N, C-alpha and C. Protein backbone atom coordinates (compact mmCIF):
# COMPACT_ATOMS: atom_id res chain seq x y z
N UNK A 1 -21.49 -3.44 28.98
CA UNK A 1 -22.58 -4.19 28.37
C UNK A 1 -23.48 -4.71 29.47
N UNK A 2 -24.77 -4.63 29.29
CA UNK A 2 -25.66 -5.28 30.25
C UNK A 2 -25.49 -6.79 30.14
N UNK A 3 -25.08 -7.38 31.23
CA UNK A 3 -24.82 -8.82 31.28
C UNK A 3 -25.50 -9.34 32.54
N UNK A 4 -26.41 -10.28 32.38
CA UNK A 4 -27.22 -10.73 33.50
C UNK A 4 -27.11 -12.23 33.68
N UNK A 5 -26.86 -12.66 34.91
CA UNK A 5 -26.95 -14.08 35.24
C UNK A 5 -28.42 -14.45 35.29
N UNK A 6 -28.72 -15.68 34.93
CA UNK A 6 -30.09 -16.18 35.05
C UNK A 6 -30.01 -17.53 35.74
N UNK A 7 -30.69 -17.67 36.86
CA UNK A 7 -30.65 -18.87 37.68
C UNK A 7 -29.21 -19.28 37.98
N UNK A 8 -28.37 -18.28 38.23
CA UNK A 8 -26.98 -18.53 38.58
C UNK A 8 -26.05 -18.81 37.41
N UNK A 9 -26.56 -18.80 36.19
CA UNK A 9 -25.72 -19.05 35.02
C UNK A 9 -25.32 -17.70 34.42
N UNK A 10 -24.00 -17.46 34.38
CA UNK A 10 -23.45 -16.19 33.94
C UNK A 10 -22.98 -16.30 32.48
N UNK A 11 -23.31 -15.33 31.63
CA UNK A 11 -22.81 -15.36 30.25
C UNK A 11 -21.28 -15.40 30.20
N UNK A 12 -20.75 -15.99 29.14
CA UNK A 12 -19.31 -16.11 28.92
C UNK A 12 -18.96 -15.37 27.64
N UNK A 13 -17.95 -14.49 27.71
CA UNK A 13 -17.48 -13.76 26.52
C UNK A 13 -15.97 -13.88 26.45
N UNK A 14 -15.46 -14.44 25.36
CA UNK A 14 -14.02 -14.52 25.17
C UNK A 14 -13.45 -13.10 25.16
N UNK A 15 -12.31 -12.88 25.82
CA UNK A 15 -11.75 -11.53 25.90
C UNK A 15 -11.39 -10.90 24.56
N UNK A 16 -11.24 -11.69 23.50
CA UNK A 16 -10.92 -11.12 22.19
C UNK A 16 -12.16 -10.69 21.42
N UNK A 17 -13.33 -10.91 21.98
CA UNK A 17 -14.58 -10.48 21.35
C UNK A 17 -14.98 -9.12 21.86
N UNK A 18 -15.75 -8.41 21.04
CA UNK A 18 -16.27 -7.10 21.44
C UNK A 18 -17.78 -7.19 21.55
N UNK A 19 -18.29 -6.79 22.71
CA UNK A 19 -19.74 -6.70 22.92
C UNK A 19 -20.04 -5.24 23.25
N UNK A 20 -20.83 -4.58 22.41
CA UNK A 20 -21.14 -3.17 22.60
C UNK A 20 -21.90 -2.97 23.92
N UNK A 21 -21.67 -1.85 24.59
CA UNK A 21 -22.36 -1.59 25.86
C UNK A 21 -23.89 -1.56 25.75
N UNK A 22 -24.44 -1.37 24.56
CA UNK A 22 -25.89 -1.36 24.42
C UNK A 22 -26.45 -2.71 23.97
N UNK A 23 -25.60 -3.72 23.88
CA UNK A 23 -26.07 -5.09 23.64
C UNK A 23 -26.37 -5.71 24.99
N UNK A 24 -27.20 -6.76 25.02
CA UNK A 24 -27.46 -7.42 26.30
C UNK A 24 -27.31 -8.93 26.17
N UNK A 25 -26.68 -9.50 27.18
CA UNK A 25 -26.48 -10.94 27.27
C UNK A 25 -27.15 -11.41 28.55
N UNK A 26 -28.00 -12.44 28.43
CA UNK A 26 -28.76 -12.91 29.58
C UNK A 26 -28.61 -14.42 29.69
N UNK A 27 -28.13 -14.89 30.83
CA UNK A 27 -28.13 -16.32 31.14
C UNK A 27 -27.09 -17.12 30.40
N UNK A 28 -27.51 -18.26 29.84
CA UNK A 28 -26.62 -19.25 29.27
C UNK A 28 -26.21 -18.87 27.85
N UNK A 29 -25.32 -17.89 27.76
CA UNK A 29 -24.81 -17.38 26.49
C UNK A 29 -23.30 -17.56 26.50
N UNK A 30 -22.77 -18.14 25.42
CA UNK A 30 -21.33 -18.33 25.29
C UNK A 30 -20.89 -17.70 23.97
N UNK A 31 -20.02 -16.69 24.06
CA UNK A 31 -19.51 -15.98 22.88
C UNK A 31 -18.05 -16.34 22.72
N UNK A 32 -17.71 -16.94 21.57
CA UNK A 32 -16.35 -17.38 21.29
C UNK A 32 -15.42 -16.24 20.92
N UNK A 33 -14.20 -16.57 20.48
CA UNK A 33 -13.18 -15.55 20.20
C UNK A 33 -13.45 -14.77 18.92
N UNK A 34 -13.03 -13.50 18.93
CA UNK A 34 -13.05 -12.66 17.74
C UNK A 34 -14.43 -12.28 17.23
N UNK A 35 -15.43 -12.34 18.08
CA UNK A 35 -16.80 -12.01 17.65
C UNK A 35 -17.08 -10.52 17.83
N UNK A 36 -18.04 -10.04 17.08
CA UNK A 36 -18.52 -8.67 17.19
C UNK A 36 -20.01 -8.72 17.48
N UNK A 37 -20.40 -8.15 18.63
CA UNK A 37 -21.81 -8.09 19.02
C UNK A 37 -22.18 -6.61 19.05
N UNK A 38 -23.06 -6.18 18.14
CA UNK A 38 -23.34 -4.77 17.89
C UNK A 38 -24.36 -4.19 18.87
N UNK A 39 -24.54 -2.86 18.83
CA UNK A 39 -25.52 -2.20 19.69
C UNK A 39 -26.93 -2.75 19.45
N UNK A 40 -27.66 -2.91 20.52
CA UNK A 40 -29.05 -3.34 20.43
C UNK A 40 -29.25 -4.83 20.27
N UNK A 41 -28.17 -5.58 20.11
CA UNK A 41 -28.31 -7.04 20.01
C UNK A 41 -28.75 -7.58 21.37
N UNK A 42 -29.65 -8.56 21.34
CA UNK A 42 -30.13 -9.19 22.56
C UNK A 42 -29.95 -10.70 22.42
N UNK A 43 -29.12 -11.26 23.28
CA UNK A 43 -28.88 -12.70 23.30
C UNK A 43 -29.44 -13.22 24.62
N UNK A 44 -30.60 -13.89 24.54
CA UNK A 44 -31.34 -14.31 25.74
C UNK A 44 -31.26 -15.81 25.93
N UNK A 45 -30.35 -16.22 26.80
CA UNK A 45 -30.21 -17.63 27.13
C UNK A 45 -30.99 -17.96 28.39
N UNK A 46 -32.28 -17.65 28.40
CA UNK A 46 -33.09 -17.89 29.59
C UNK A 46 -33.94 -19.16 29.48
N UNK A 47 -34.10 -19.71 28.27
CA UNK A 47 -34.81 -20.98 28.11
C UNK A 47 -33.84 -22.09 27.73
N UNK A 48 -32.74 -21.74 27.10
CA UNK A 48 -31.74 -22.71 26.66
C UNK A 48 -30.44 -21.99 26.34
N UNK A 49 -29.45 -22.76 25.91
CA UNK A 49 -28.11 -22.22 25.66
C UNK A 49 -28.02 -21.58 24.28
N UNK A 50 -27.25 -20.48 24.23
CA UNK A 50 -26.88 -19.81 22.98
C UNK A 50 -25.37 -19.88 22.86
N UNK A 51 -24.88 -20.40 21.74
CA UNK A 51 -23.45 -20.46 21.49
C UNK A 51 -23.17 -19.68 20.21
N UNK A 52 -22.27 -18.70 20.32
CA UNK A 52 -21.82 -17.93 19.16
C UNK A 52 -20.35 -18.29 18.97
N UNK A 53 -20.06 -19.06 17.93
CA UNK A 53 -18.68 -19.50 17.72
C UNK A 53 -17.83 -18.36 17.16
N UNK A 54 -16.52 -18.56 17.19
CA UNK A 54 -15.54 -17.54 16.85
C UNK A 54 -15.73 -16.86 15.50
N UNK A 55 -15.31 -15.61 15.45
CA UNK A 55 -15.30 -14.79 14.24
C UNK A 55 -16.69 -14.51 13.68
N UNK A 56 -17.71 -14.62 14.50
CA UNK A 56 -19.07 -14.34 14.05
C UNK A 56 -19.43 -12.89 14.33
N UNK A 57 -20.41 -12.39 13.59
CA UNK A 57 -20.88 -11.02 13.74
C UNK A 57 -22.38 -11.04 13.99
N UNK A 58 -22.78 -10.50 15.13
CA UNK A 58 -24.19 -10.34 15.46
C UNK A 58 -24.44 -8.83 15.38
N UNK A 59 -25.14 -8.39 14.35
CA UNK A 59 -25.22 -6.97 14.07
C UNK A 59 -26.36 -6.28 14.82
N UNK A 60 -26.53 -5.00 14.56
CA UNK A 60 -27.45 -4.14 15.30
C UNK A 60 -28.86 -4.72 15.35
N UNK A 61 -29.45 -4.67 16.54
CA UNK A 61 -30.86 -5.03 16.79
C UNK A 61 -31.21 -6.47 16.46
N UNK A 62 -30.25 -7.36 16.49
CA UNK A 62 -30.51 -8.78 16.30
C UNK A 62 -31.01 -9.37 17.61
N UNK A 63 -32.01 -10.25 17.52
CA UNK A 63 -32.49 -10.99 18.69
C UNK A 63 -32.13 -12.46 18.51
N UNK A 64 -31.45 -13.02 19.50
CA UNK A 64 -31.12 -14.44 19.49
C UNK A 64 -31.72 -15.05 20.75
N UNK A 65 -32.49 -16.13 20.58
CA UNK A 65 -33.15 -16.77 21.70
C UNK A 65 -33.07 -18.28 21.50
N UNK A 66 -33.09 -19.01 22.58
CA UNK A 66 -33.09 -20.47 22.52
C UNK A 66 -34.40 -20.98 23.10
N UNK A 67 -34.69 -22.25 22.85
CA UNK A 67 -35.84 -22.83 23.53
C UNK A 67 -35.36 -23.97 24.41
N UNK A 68 -36.25 -24.53 25.21
CA UNK A 68 -35.83 -25.54 26.18
C UNK A 68 -35.49 -26.87 25.54
N UNK A 69 -35.87 -27.08 24.29
CA UNK A 69 -35.61 -28.34 23.61
C UNK A 69 -34.34 -28.34 22.78
N UNK A 70 -33.82 -27.15 22.47
CA UNK A 70 -32.71 -27.07 21.53
C UNK A 70 -31.87 -25.83 21.79
N UNK A 71 -30.55 -26.01 21.77
CA UNK A 71 -29.65 -24.86 21.84
C UNK A 71 -29.75 -24.06 20.55
N UNK A 72 -29.45 -22.79 20.64
CA UNK A 72 -29.27 -21.98 19.44
C UNK A 72 -27.77 -21.86 19.24
N UNK A 73 -27.30 -22.31 18.08
CA UNK A 73 -25.87 -22.31 17.80
C UNK A 73 -25.62 -21.52 16.53
N UNK A 74 -24.73 -20.54 16.63
CA UNK A 74 -24.29 -19.76 15.48
C UNK A 74 -22.85 -20.17 15.23
N UNK A 75 -22.64 -20.90 14.15
CA UNK A 75 -21.33 -21.49 13.87
C UNK A 75 -20.30 -20.44 13.44
N UNK A 76 -19.06 -20.86 13.47
CA UNK A 76 -17.90 -20.00 13.21
C UNK A 76 -18.07 -19.19 11.91
N UNK A 77 -17.76 -17.90 12.03
CA UNK A 77 -17.71 -17.02 10.87
C UNK A 77 -19.06 -16.58 10.33
N UNK A 78 -20.14 -16.90 11.04
CA UNK A 78 -21.47 -16.50 10.55
C UNK A 78 -21.69 -15.01 10.76
N UNK A 79 -22.49 -14.42 9.88
CA UNK A 79 -22.91 -13.04 10.02
C UNK A 79 -24.43 -13.02 10.11
N UNK A 80 -24.93 -12.42 11.19
CA UNK A 80 -26.37 -12.25 11.37
C UNK A 80 -26.62 -10.76 11.19
N UNK A 81 -27.26 -10.38 10.09
CA UNK A 81 -27.39 -8.98 9.72
C UNK A 81 -28.45 -8.26 10.55
N UNK A 82 -28.44 -6.96 10.44
CA UNK A 82 -29.25 -6.04 11.22
C UNK A 82 -30.71 -6.48 11.32
N UNK A 83 -31.22 -6.52 12.55
CA UNK A 83 -32.64 -6.74 12.78
C UNK A 83 -33.13 -8.17 12.64
N UNK A 84 -32.24 -9.11 12.40
CA UNK A 84 -32.68 -10.51 12.24
C UNK A 84 -33.12 -11.09 13.58
N UNK A 85 -33.94 -12.13 13.50
CA UNK A 85 -34.38 -12.88 14.68
C UNK A 85 -33.95 -14.33 14.47
N UNK A 86 -33.19 -14.85 15.43
CA UNK A 86 -32.69 -16.22 15.37
C UNK A 86 -33.25 -16.94 16.59
N UNK A 87 -33.96 -18.06 16.39
CA UNK A 87 -34.64 -18.71 17.51
C UNK A 87 -34.56 -20.22 17.40
N UNK A 88 -33.92 -20.86 18.38
CA UNK A 88 -33.94 -22.31 18.49
C UNK A 88 -33.46 -23.04 17.27
N UNK A 89 -32.37 -22.59 16.66
CA UNK A 89 -31.91 -23.21 15.42
C UNK A 89 -30.39 -23.19 15.38
N UNK A 90 -29.84 -23.78 14.35
CA UNK A 90 -28.40 -23.75 14.13
C UNK A 90 -28.13 -23.01 12.82
N UNK A 91 -27.23 -22.04 12.90
CA UNK A 91 -26.80 -21.29 11.73
C UNK A 91 -25.44 -21.84 11.34
N UNK A 92 -25.27 -22.25 10.10
CA UNK A 92 -24.05 -22.91 9.66
C UNK A 92 -22.84 -22.02 9.59
N UNK A 93 -21.68 -22.67 9.52
CA UNK A 93 -20.41 -21.97 9.42
C UNK A 93 -20.40 -21.07 8.18
N UNK A 94 -19.92 -19.84 8.37
CA UNK A 94 -19.80 -18.84 7.31
C UNK A 94 -21.12 -18.45 6.67
N UNK A 95 -22.23 -18.70 7.35
CA UNK A 95 -23.55 -18.32 6.80
C UNK A 95 -23.74 -16.82 6.90
N UNK A 96 -24.56 -16.31 6.00
CA UNK A 96 -24.98 -14.92 6.04
C UNK A 96 -26.50 -14.91 6.13
N UNK A 97 -27.02 -14.43 7.26
CA UNK A 97 -28.46 -14.29 7.44
C UNK A 97 -28.78 -12.82 7.21
N UNK A 98 -29.65 -12.53 6.26
CA UNK A 98 -29.91 -11.17 5.81
C UNK A 98 -30.66 -10.31 6.80
N UNK A 99 -30.68 -9.02 6.49
CA UNK A 99 -31.36 -8.03 7.34
C UNK A 99 -32.83 -8.39 7.52
N UNK A 100 -33.27 -8.30 8.77
CA UNK A 100 -34.67 -8.54 9.16
C UNK A 100 -35.16 -9.95 8.87
N UNK A 101 -34.26 -10.88 8.61
CA UNK A 101 -34.67 -12.27 8.40
C UNK A 101 -35.15 -12.86 9.73
N UNK A 102 -36.03 -13.83 9.64
CA UNK A 102 -36.51 -14.55 10.82
C UNK A 102 -36.21 -16.02 10.59
N UNK A 103 -35.40 -16.60 11.49
CA UNK A 103 -35.05 -18.01 11.40
C UNK A 103 -35.56 -18.67 12.68
N UNK A 104 -36.58 -19.52 12.53
CA UNK A 104 -37.23 -20.15 13.68
C UNK A 104 -36.77 -21.59 13.86
N UNK A 105 -37.27 -22.20 14.90
CA UNK A 105 -36.90 -23.55 15.31
C UNK A 105 -36.84 -24.51 14.12
N UNK A 106 -35.70 -25.18 13.99
CA UNK A 106 -35.49 -26.23 12.99
C UNK A 106 -35.72 -25.77 11.55
N UNK A 107 -35.56 -24.49 11.28
CA UNK A 107 -35.82 -23.96 9.93
C UNK A 107 -34.72 -24.37 8.95
N UNK A 108 -35.10 -24.46 7.68
CA UNK A 108 -34.16 -24.62 6.58
C UNK A 108 -34.25 -23.35 5.75
N UNK A 109 -33.11 -22.77 5.41
CA UNK A 109 -33.09 -21.46 4.78
C UNK A 109 -32.88 -21.57 3.27
N UNK A 110 -33.67 -20.82 2.53
CA UNK A 110 -33.52 -20.73 1.08
C UNK A 110 -33.71 -19.30 0.66
N UNK A 111 -33.84 -19.08 -0.64
CA UNK A 111 -34.07 -17.73 -1.15
C UNK A 111 -35.15 -17.80 -2.21
N UNK A 112 -35.76 -16.70 -2.49
CA UNK A 112 -36.83 -16.51 -3.46
C UNK A 112 -38.15 -17.08 -2.94
N UNK A 113 -39.17 -16.97 -3.76
CA UNK A 113 -40.48 -17.46 -3.37
C UNK A 113 -41.09 -18.19 -4.57
N UNK A 114 -41.23 -19.49 -4.59
CA UNK A 114 -40.92 -20.41 -3.49
C UNK A 114 -39.41 -20.52 -3.30
N UNK A 115 -39.01 -20.88 -2.09
CA UNK A 115 -37.59 -20.93 -1.74
C UNK A 115 -36.86 -22.00 -2.53
N UNK A 116 -35.63 -21.69 -2.90
CA UNK A 116 -34.75 -22.66 -3.55
C UNK A 116 -33.32 -22.29 -3.21
N UNK A 117 -32.42 -23.26 -3.32
CA UNK A 117 -31.01 -22.98 -3.11
C UNK A 117 -30.54 -22.15 -4.29
N UNK A 118 -29.95 -21.00 -4.00
CA UNK A 118 -29.52 -20.09 -5.05
C UNK A 118 -28.16 -20.50 -5.60
N UNK A 119 -27.21 -20.74 -4.71
CA UNK A 119 -25.90 -21.18 -5.14
C UNK A 119 -25.09 -21.62 -3.94
N UNK A 120 -24.04 -22.36 -4.20
CA UNK A 120 -23.09 -22.75 -3.17
C UNK A 120 -21.80 -22.00 -3.43
N UNK A 121 -21.01 -21.83 -2.40
CA UNK A 121 -19.74 -21.12 -2.54
C UNK A 121 -18.60 -22.11 -2.63
N UNK A 122 -17.62 -21.77 -3.45
CA UNK A 122 -16.37 -22.51 -3.50
C UNK A 122 -15.53 -22.06 -2.30
N UNK A 123 -14.57 -22.90 -1.86
CA UNK A 123 -13.76 -22.52 -0.69
C UNK A 123 -13.09 -21.16 -0.81
N UNK A 124 -12.57 -20.81 -2.00
CA UNK A 124 -11.88 -19.53 -2.14
C UNK A 124 -12.84 -18.34 -2.00
N UNK A 125 -14.14 -18.58 -2.18
CA UNK A 125 -15.11 -17.49 -2.10
C UNK A 125 -15.42 -17.09 -0.66
N UNK A 126 -15.09 -17.95 0.29
CA UNK A 126 -15.35 -17.61 1.69
C UNK A 126 -14.06 -17.37 2.47
N UNK A 127 -12.93 -17.41 1.79
CA UNK A 127 -11.65 -17.20 2.48
C UNK A 127 -11.63 -15.89 3.23
N UNK A 128 -12.12 -14.82 2.61
CA UNK A 128 -12.10 -13.50 3.26
C UNK A 128 -12.93 -13.50 4.54
N UNK A 129 -13.87 -14.44 4.66
CA UNK A 129 -14.70 -14.49 5.86
C UNK A 129 -14.10 -15.38 6.93
N UNK A 130 -13.50 -16.50 6.55
CA UNK A 130 -13.11 -17.45 7.58
C UNK A 130 -11.63 -17.42 7.92
N UNK A 131 -10.90 -16.44 7.45
CA UNK A 131 -9.50 -16.34 7.81
C UNK A 131 -9.28 -15.41 9.00
N UNK A 132 -10.36 -14.95 9.62
CA UNK A 132 -10.23 -14.06 10.76
C UNK A 132 -9.88 -12.63 10.39
N UNK A 133 -9.85 -12.33 9.10
CA UNK A 133 -9.47 -11.00 8.66
C UNK A 133 -10.63 -10.23 8.06
N UNK A 134 -11.84 -10.77 8.14
CA UNK A 134 -13.01 -10.09 7.61
C UNK A 134 -13.28 -8.79 8.34
N UNK A 135 -14.17 -7.98 7.77
CA UNK A 135 -14.39 -6.65 8.33
C UNK A 135 -14.93 -6.69 9.75
N UNK A 136 -15.81 -7.62 10.09
CA UNK A 136 -16.34 -7.63 11.45
C UNK A 136 -15.36 -8.26 12.44
N UNK A 137 -14.50 -9.17 11.98
CA UNK A 137 -13.44 -9.68 12.86
C UNK A 137 -12.46 -8.54 13.18
N UNK A 138 -12.12 -7.76 12.15
CA UNK A 138 -11.24 -6.60 12.37
C UNK A 138 -11.91 -5.61 13.31
N UNK A 139 -13.21 -5.35 13.08
CA UNK A 139 -13.93 -4.41 13.92
C UNK A 139 -13.96 -4.89 15.38
N UNK A 140 -14.13 -6.19 15.59
CA UNK A 140 -14.12 -6.72 16.96
C UNK A 140 -12.79 -6.42 17.65
N UNK A 141 -11.68 -6.62 16.93
CA UNK A 141 -10.36 -6.34 17.51
C UNK A 141 -10.18 -4.85 17.79
N UNK A 142 -10.55 -4.01 16.82
CA UNK A 142 -10.36 -2.57 16.98
C UNK A 142 -11.29 -1.97 18.03
N UNK A 143 -12.50 -2.51 18.13
CA UNK A 143 -13.48 -1.95 19.05
C UNK A 143 -13.10 -2.14 20.52
N UNK A 144 -12.29 -3.16 20.80
CA UNK A 144 -11.89 -3.40 22.19
C UNK A 144 -11.22 -2.17 22.79
N UNK A 145 -10.48 -1.42 21.98
CA UNK A 145 -9.82 -0.21 22.49
C UNK A 145 -10.25 1.05 21.74
N UNK A 146 -10.83 0.89 20.55
CA UNK A 146 -11.10 2.05 19.71
C UNK A 146 -12.47 2.67 19.86
N UNK A 147 -13.40 1.99 20.51
CA UNK A 147 -14.72 2.57 20.74
C UNK A 147 -14.78 2.99 22.21
N UNK A 148 -14.89 4.28 22.42
CA UNK A 148 -14.94 4.82 23.78
C UNK A 148 -16.11 5.78 23.90
N UNK A 149 -16.68 5.85 25.08
CA UNK A 149 -17.79 6.78 25.30
C UNK A 149 -17.24 8.20 25.39
N UNK A 150 -17.89 9.12 24.69
CA UNK A 150 -17.46 10.52 24.66
C UNK A 150 -18.68 11.43 24.71
N UNK A 151 -18.43 12.71 24.92
CA UNK A 151 -19.47 13.73 24.80
C UNK A 151 -19.44 14.26 23.37
N UNK A 152 -20.57 14.33 22.68
CA UNK A 152 -20.54 14.77 21.28
C UNK A 152 -20.09 16.22 21.16
N UNK A 153 -19.48 16.53 20.03
CA UNK A 153 -19.07 17.90 19.73
C UNK A 153 -20.28 18.69 19.25
N UNK A 154 -20.31 20.01 19.50
CA UNK A 154 -21.44 20.81 19.03
C UNK A 154 -21.40 21.06 17.52
N UNK A 155 -20.20 21.09 16.94
CA UNK A 155 -20.04 21.31 15.50
C UNK A 155 -18.84 20.48 15.02
N UNK A 156 -18.80 20.16 13.73
CA UNK A 156 -17.63 19.43 13.22
C UNK A 156 -16.38 20.29 13.30
N UNK A 157 -15.27 19.69 13.67
CA UNK A 157 -14.02 20.43 13.71
C UNK A 157 -13.52 20.67 12.28
N UNK A 158 -12.73 21.75 12.08
CA UNK A 158 -12.17 22.01 10.74
C UNK A 158 -11.27 20.84 10.34
N UNK A 159 -11.26 20.52 9.07
CA UNK A 159 -10.43 19.42 8.56
C UNK A 159 -10.70 18.10 9.29
N UNK A 160 -11.95 17.85 9.59
CA UNK A 160 -12.33 16.61 10.27
C UNK A 160 -11.86 15.41 9.45
N UNK A 161 -11.11 14.53 10.06
CA UNK A 161 -10.60 13.38 9.33
C UNK A 161 -11.71 12.36 9.08
N UNK A 162 -11.48 11.50 8.13
CA UNK A 162 -12.42 10.43 7.80
C UNK A 162 -11.87 9.10 8.30
N UNK A 163 -12.79 8.17 8.50
CA UNK A 163 -12.38 6.84 8.91
C UNK A 163 -11.60 6.16 7.79
N UNK A 164 -10.59 5.43 8.16
CA UNK A 164 -9.85 4.61 7.19
C UNK A 164 -10.52 3.25 7.19
N UNK A 165 -11.29 2.97 6.16
CA UNK A 165 -12.07 1.74 6.12
C UNK A 165 -11.42 0.70 5.23
N UNK A 166 -11.43 -0.53 5.72
CA UNK A 166 -10.99 -1.67 4.93
C UNK A 166 -12.18 -2.59 4.69
N UNK A 167 -13.38 -2.06 4.78
CA UNK A 167 -14.58 -2.88 4.66
C UNK A 167 -14.64 -3.54 3.29
N UNK A 168 -15.17 -4.74 3.30
CA UNK A 168 -15.35 -5.50 2.07
C UNK A 168 -16.83 -5.52 1.74
N UNK A 169 -17.19 -5.06 0.56
CA UNK A 169 -18.59 -5.10 0.15
C UNK A 169 -18.99 -6.55 -0.10
N UNK A 170 -20.11 -6.95 0.46
CA UNK A 170 -20.60 -8.31 0.28
C UNK A 170 -21.61 -8.30 -0.85
N UNK A 171 -21.26 -8.94 -1.94
CA UNK A 171 -22.15 -9.04 -3.09
C UNK A 171 -22.03 -10.46 -3.63
N UNK A 172 -23.12 -10.97 -4.11
CA UNK A 172 -23.11 -12.32 -4.65
C UNK A 172 -22.94 -12.34 -6.15
N UNK A 173 -22.95 -11.18 -6.81
CA UNK A 173 -22.79 -11.14 -8.25
C UNK A 173 -22.21 -9.79 -8.65
N UNK A 174 -21.86 -9.66 -9.91
CA UNK A 174 -21.36 -8.39 -10.40
C UNK A 174 -19.85 -8.33 -10.47
N UNK A 175 -19.35 -7.22 -11.01
CA UNK A 175 -17.91 -7.06 -11.22
C UNK A 175 -17.14 -7.06 -9.90
N UNK A 176 -17.67 -6.41 -8.88
CA UNK A 176 -16.97 -6.35 -7.59
C UNK A 176 -16.76 -7.75 -7.04
N UNK A 177 -17.81 -8.56 -7.07
CA UNK A 177 -17.70 -9.93 -6.55
C UNK A 177 -16.73 -10.75 -7.39
N UNK A 178 -16.81 -10.62 -8.71
CA UNK A 178 -15.92 -11.38 -9.59
C UNK A 178 -14.46 -11.02 -9.33
N UNK A 179 -14.18 -9.74 -9.17
CA UNK A 179 -12.81 -9.30 -8.91
C UNK A 179 -12.33 -9.81 -7.55
N UNK A 180 -13.18 -9.73 -6.53
CA UNK A 180 -12.82 -10.21 -5.20
C UNK A 180 -12.56 -11.72 -5.23
N UNK A 181 -13.43 -12.46 -5.92
CA UNK A 181 -13.26 -13.91 -6.01
C UNK A 181 -11.98 -14.27 -6.74
N UNK A 182 -11.64 -13.52 -7.79
CA UNK A 182 -10.41 -13.76 -8.53
C UNK A 182 -9.19 -13.53 -7.64
N UNK A 183 -9.22 -12.44 -6.86
CA UNK A 183 -8.11 -12.16 -5.93
C UNK A 183 -7.99 -13.26 -4.89
N UNK A 184 -9.11 -13.70 -4.33
CA UNK A 184 -9.09 -14.75 -3.31
C UNK A 184 -8.57 -16.06 -3.89
N UNK A 185 -8.98 -16.40 -5.11
CA UNK A 185 -8.52 -17.63 -5.75
C UNK A 185 -7.01 -17.56 -6.00
N UNK A 186 -6.54 -16.40 -6.44
CA UNK A 186 -5.12 -16.21 -6.71
C UNK A 186 -4.32 -16.33 -5.42
N UNK A 187 -4.82 -15.75 -4.34
CA UNK A 187 -4.14 -15.83 -3.04
C UNK A 187 -4.05 -17.28 -2.58
N UNK A 188 -5.13 -18.04 -2.74
CA UNK A 188 -5.13 -19.45 -2.33
C UNK A 188 -4.16 -20.27 -3.16
N UNK A 189 -4.03 -19.97 -4.46
CA UNK A 189 -3.10 -20.70 -5.32
C UNK A 189 -1.66 -20.44 -4.90
N UNK A 190 -1.38 -19.24 -4.41
CA UNK A 190 -0.02 -18.88 -4.01
C UNK A 190 0.37 -19.52 -2.69
N UNK A 191 -0.61 -19.91 -1.88
CA UNK A 191 -0.32 -20.47 -0.55
C UNK A 191 0.03 -21.91 -0.60
């Protein structure tokens, strides 16, 4: 991974996190345990500190920047989806910032136009995200040894195997979400 010190401040990455070789970390960046930093992500701690707390996912082509007045903090279990821009703000625990979203200094996030709070989650609805077993937490663990640089094949091999995926579809409504929420609630009741 391109990792650059800035004014003598070197980025910090917990050894249990995965940072793709095409992501870049510059300056005062601190990545906690179990995080996944995808290809093309740019975390620029050249004006201020960036903190990515544990079990967070910074997906492809995300830009994270801080300003001199405020740290940028991404709290535990947050997912920053593909192409988002995060600047001089705090993203809450277990938050999901959508694809190509722009979150600027001191912003408050809503949905629709005009913006309004759509819904809040019950604790059992975020269990799959904050128990360290979510898809990007798993990917961070597997990527440490499972993603290796190779030369591409010219053609697919016969009987090419498929990936064994345990990915969880993220949906806020519908039968899939209802079934997942019911399973999570049942699991919590048993514990």
